[in-house]
Amino acid sequence: QVQLVESGGGLVQTGGSLRLSCAVSGSIFSMNAMAWYRQAPGKQRELVATITRGGNTNYADSVKGRFTISRDNAKNAVYLQMRSLKPEDTAVYYCYAGPDEFLRRYWGQGTQVTVSS
């Protein structure tokens, strides 16, 4: 069973940076894509950034130019480098993987990011 574990969240001031990590207990090479989502209180979960098996990336308009998603297939890990953080970036950030060859999708438990004004 594939498991995803996020880390790197925390409290940061406006304009600060954080780097989120997602460790996968299995090969991420079989995953069609890896992604980061976030969910703020009272809001729906939204897609932040994706990276495909081939390395193509896509970002939500709200984070373009500030966030960078990357993956390390050898370490079975995905990262989200966040810069110039804003209070509206405050949310629980979730790592996502899939679908795999059996069309299964996986989620991490989430890590809290809080940006103070």
C-alpha atoms as a PDB file:
ATOM      1  CA  GLN A   1       0.000   0.000   0.000  1.00  0.00           C
ATOM      2  CA  VAL A   2       1.420   3.336  -1.024  1.00  0.00           C
ATOM      3  CA  GLN A   3       1.558   5.957   1.712  1.00  0.00           C
ATOM      4  CA  LEU A   4       2.313   9.653   1.421  1.00  0.00           C
ATOM      5  CA  VAL A   5       3.713  11.653   4.325  1.00  0.00           C
ATOM      6  CA  GLU A   6       4.027  15.420   4.146  1.00  0.00           C
ATOM      7  CA  SER A   7       6.397  17.536   6.193  1.00  0.00           C
ATOM      8  CA  GLY A   8       7.781  21.047   6.247  1.00  0.00           C
ATOM      9  CA  GLY A   9       4.714  23.034   7.184  1.00  0.00           C
ATOM     10  CA  GLY A  10       4.710  25.660   9.883  1.00  0.00           C
ATOM     11  CA  LEU A  11       4.230  29.291  10.777  1.00  0.00           C
ATOM     12  CA  VAL A  12       5.930  31.948   8.666  1.00  0.00           C
ATOM     13  CA  GLN A  13       5.607  35.675   8.229  1.00  0.00           C
ATOM     14  CA  THR A  14       4.339  37.346   5.083  1.00  0.00           C
ATOM     15  CA  GLY A  15       7.056  37.293   2.455  1.00  0.00           C
ATOM     16  CA  GLY A  16       8.745  34.268   3.946  1.00  0.00           C
ATOM     17  CA  SER A  17       9.493  30.873   2.447  1.00  0.00           C
ATOM     18  CA  LEU A  18       8.781  27.250   3.237  1.00  0.00           C
ATOM     19  CA  ARG A  19       9.629  24.007   1.546  1.00  0.00           C
ATOM     20  CA  LEU A  20       7.148  21.166   1.781  1.00  0.00           C
ATOM     21  CA  SER A  21       8.237  17.587   1.278  1.00  0.00           C
ATOM     22  CA  CYS A  22       6.192  14.519   0.459  1.00  0.00           C
ATOM     23  CA  ALA A  23       7.793  11.156   1.104  1.00  0.00           C
ATOM     24  CA  VAL A  24       6.207   8.246  -0.734  1.00  0.00           C
ATOM     25  CA  SER A  25       6.488   4.675   0.564  1.00  0.00           C
ATOM     26  CA  GLY A  26       6.638   3.231  -2.889  1.00  0.00           C
ATOM     27  CA  SER A  27       7.754   4.122  -6.347  1.00  0.00           C
ATOM     28  CA  ILE A  28       6.446   7.394  -7.688  1.00  0.00           C
ATOM     29  CA  PHE A  29       7.631   6.470 -11.150  1.00  0.00           C
ATOM     30  CA  SER A  30       4.417   4.494 -11.721  1.00  0.00           C
ATOM     31  CA  MET A  31       2.320   7.516 -10.825  1.00  0.00           C
ATOM     32  CA  ASN A  32       1.006   9.472 -13.760  1.00  0.00           C
ATOM     33  CA  ALA A  33       1.340  12.670 -11.779  1.00  0.00           C
ATOM     34  CA  MET A  34       2.180  14.099  -8.410  1.00  0.00           C
ATOM     35  CA  ALA A  35       0.521  17.203  -7.050  1.00  0.00           C
ATOM     36  CA  TRP A  36      -0.019  19.517  -4.142  1.00  0.00           C
ATOM     37  CA  TYR A  37      -3.471  20.623  -3.101  1.00  0.00           C
ATOM     38  CA  ARG A  38      -4.504  22.925  -0.295  1.00  0.00           C
ATOM     39  CA  GLN A  39      -7.629  23.562   1.717  1.00  0.00           C
ATOM     40  CA  ALA A  40      -8.265  26.689   3.710  1.00  0.00           C
ATOM     41  CA  PRO A  41     -10.890  26.800   6.477  1.00  0.00           C
ATOM     42  CA  GLY A  42     -14.368  26.984   5.031  1.00  0.00           C
ATOM     43  CA  LYS A  43     -13.134  26.518   1.478  1.00  0.00           C
ATOM     44  CA  GLN A  44     -12.945  23.667  -0.969  1.00  0.00           C
ATOM     45  CA  ARG A  45      -9.712  21.843  -1.606  1.00  0.00           C
ATOM     46  CA  GLU A  46      -7.914  23.401  -4.551  1.00  0.00           C
ATOM     47  CA  LEU A  47      -5.123  22.314  -6.820  1.00  0.00           C
ATOM     48  CA  VAL A  48      -1.884  24.212  -6.249  1.00  0.00           C
ATOM     49  CA  ALA A  49       0.647  22.546  -8.543  1.00  0.00           C
ATOM     50  CA  THR A  50       1.177  19.364 -10.534  1.00  0.00           C
ATOM     51  CA  ILE A  51       4.152  17.589 -12.017  1.00  0.00           C
ATOM     52  CA  THR A  52       3.809  14.735 -14.474  1.00  0.00           C
ATOM     53  CA  ARG A  53       5.955  11.658 -14.831  1.00  0.00           C
ATOM     54  CA  GLY A  54       7.744  13.444 -17.641  1.00  0.00           C
ATOM     55  CA  GLY A  55       8.429  16.493 -15.505  1.00  0.00           C
ATOM     56  CA  ASN A  56       5.864  18.870 -16.954  1.00  0.00           C
ATOM     57  CA  THR A  57       4.538  21.293 -14.364  1.00  0.00           C
ATOM     58  CA  ASN A  58       1.391  23.319 -13.965  1.00  0.00           C
ATOM     59  CA  TYR A  59       0.412  25.875 -11.347  1.00  0.00           C
ATOM     60  CA  ALA A  60      -2.647  27.641 -10.056  1.00  0.00           C
ATOM     61  CA  ASP A  61      -2.674  31.270 -11.151  1.00  0.00           C
ATOM     62  CA  SER A  62      -2.537  32.367  -7.530  1.00  0.00           C
ATOM     63  CA  VAL A  63       0.879  30.774  -6.975  1.00  0.00           C
ATOM     64  CA  LYS A  64       2.582  31.159 -10.360  1.00  0.00           C
ATOM     65  CA  GLY A  65       5.999  32.701 -10.018  1.00  0.00           C
ATOM     66  CA  ARG A  66       6.095  32.051  -6.277  1.00  0.00           C
ATOM     67  CA  PHE A  67       5.812  28.258  -5.897  1.00  0.00           C
ATOM     68  CA  THR A  68       7.893  25.548  -7.536  1.00  0.00           C
ATOM     69  CA  ILE A  69       7.019  21.861  -7.606  1.00  0.00           C
ATOM     70  CA  SER A  70       9.715  19.257  -8.161  1.00  0.00           C
ATOM     71  CA  ARG A  71      10.132  15.516  -7.867  1.00  0.00           C
ATOM     72  CA  ASP A  72      12.988  13.157  -7.147  1.00  0.00           C
ATOM     73  CA  ASN A  73      12.184   9.723  -8.542  1.00  0.00           C
ATOM     74  CA  ALA A  74      15.259   8.185  -6.933  1.00  0.00           C
ATOM     75  CA  LYS A  75      14.139   9.333  -3.487  1.00  0.00           C
ATOM     76  CA  ASN A  76      10.417   8.801  -4.143  1.00  0.00           C
ATOM     77  CA  ALA A  77       9.738  12.330  -3.047  1.00  0.00           C
ATOM     78  CA  VAL A  78       7.965  15.440  -4.212  1.00  0.00           C
ATOM     79  CA  TYR A  79       8.614  18.957  -3.038  1.00  0.00           C
ATOM     80  CA  LEU A  80       6.882  22.310  -3.046  1.00  0.00           C
ATOM     81  CA  GLN A  81       9.115  25.325  -2.648  1.00  0.00           C
ATOM     82  CA  MET A  82       7.012  28.285  -1.578  1.00  0.00           C
ATOM     83  CA  ARG A  83       8.335  31.843  -1.676  1.00  0.00           C
ATOM     84  CA  SER A  84       6.841  35.276  -1.093  1.00  0.00           C
ATOM     85  CA  LEU A  85       4.151  33.722   1.039  1.00  0.00           C
ATOM     86  CA  LYS A  86       0.944  35.617   1.661  1.00  0.00           C
ATOM     87  CA  PRO A  87      -1.710  35.261   4.374  1.00  0.00           C
ATOM     88  CA  GLU A  88      -4.066  33.853   1.732  1.00  0.00           C
ATOM     89  CA  ASP A  89      -1.674  30.926   1.304  1.00  0.00           C
ATOM     90  CA  THR A  90      -2.657  29.744   4.780  1.00  0.00           C
ATOM     91  CA  ALA A  91      -4.146  26.273   4.459  1.00  0.00           C
ATOM     92  CA  VAL A  92      -3.585  22.595   5.015  1.00  0.00           C
ATOM     93  CA  TYR A  93      -1.435  21.344   2.155  1.00  0.00           C
ATOM     94  CA  TYR A  94      -1.956  17.830   0.844  1.00  0.00           C
ATOM     95  CA  CYS A  95       0.274  15.700  -1.315  1.00  0.00           C
ATOM     96  CA  TYR A  96      -1.421  13.695  -4.074  1.00  0.00           C
ATOM     97  CA  ALA A  97      -0.195  10.870  -6.250  1.00  0.00           C
ATOM     98  CA  GLY A  98      -1.814   9.045  -9.126  1.00  0.00           C
ATOM     99  CA  PRO A  99      -3.320   7.480 -10.876  1.00  0.00           C
ATOM    100  CA  ASP A 100      -1.050   4.460 -10.862  1.00  0.00           C
ATOM    101  CA  GLU A 101      -1.222   1.545 -13.285  1.00  0.00           C
ATOM    102  CA  PHE A 102      -4.306   0.269 -11.418  1.00  0.00           C
ATOM    103  CA  LEU A 103      -5.945   3.724 -11.546  1.00  0.00           C
ATOM    104  CA  ARG A 104      -5.560   4.188  -7.810  1.00  0.00           C
ATOM    105  CA  ARG A 105      -5.068   7.610  -6.258  1.00  0.00           C
ATOM    106  CA  TYR A 106      -3.342   8.443  -3.006  1.00  0.00           C
ATOM    107  CA  TRP A 107      -3.425  11.307  -0.521  1.00  0.00           C
ATOM    108  CA  GLY A 108      -1.248  12.341   2.360  1.00  0.00           C
ATOM    109  CA  GLN A 109      -2.590  13.420   5.726  1.00  0.00           C
ATOM    110  CA  GLY A 110      -1.782  17.082   5.184  1.00  0.00           C
ATOM    111  CA  THR A 111       0.549  19.638   6.718  1.00  0.00           C
ATOM    112  CA  GLN A 112      -0.513  23.014   8.056  1.00  0.00           C
ATOM    113  CA  VAL A 113       0.948  26.186   6.585  1.00  0.00           C
ATOM    114  CA  THR A 114       0.137  29.429   8.363  1.00  0.00           C
ATOM    115  CA  VAL A 115       1.270  32.793   7.048  1.00  0.00           C
ATOM    116  CA  SER A 116       0.976  35.654   9.496  1.00  0.00           C
ATOM    117  CA  SER A 117       0.400  39.228   8.355  1.00  0.00           C
END
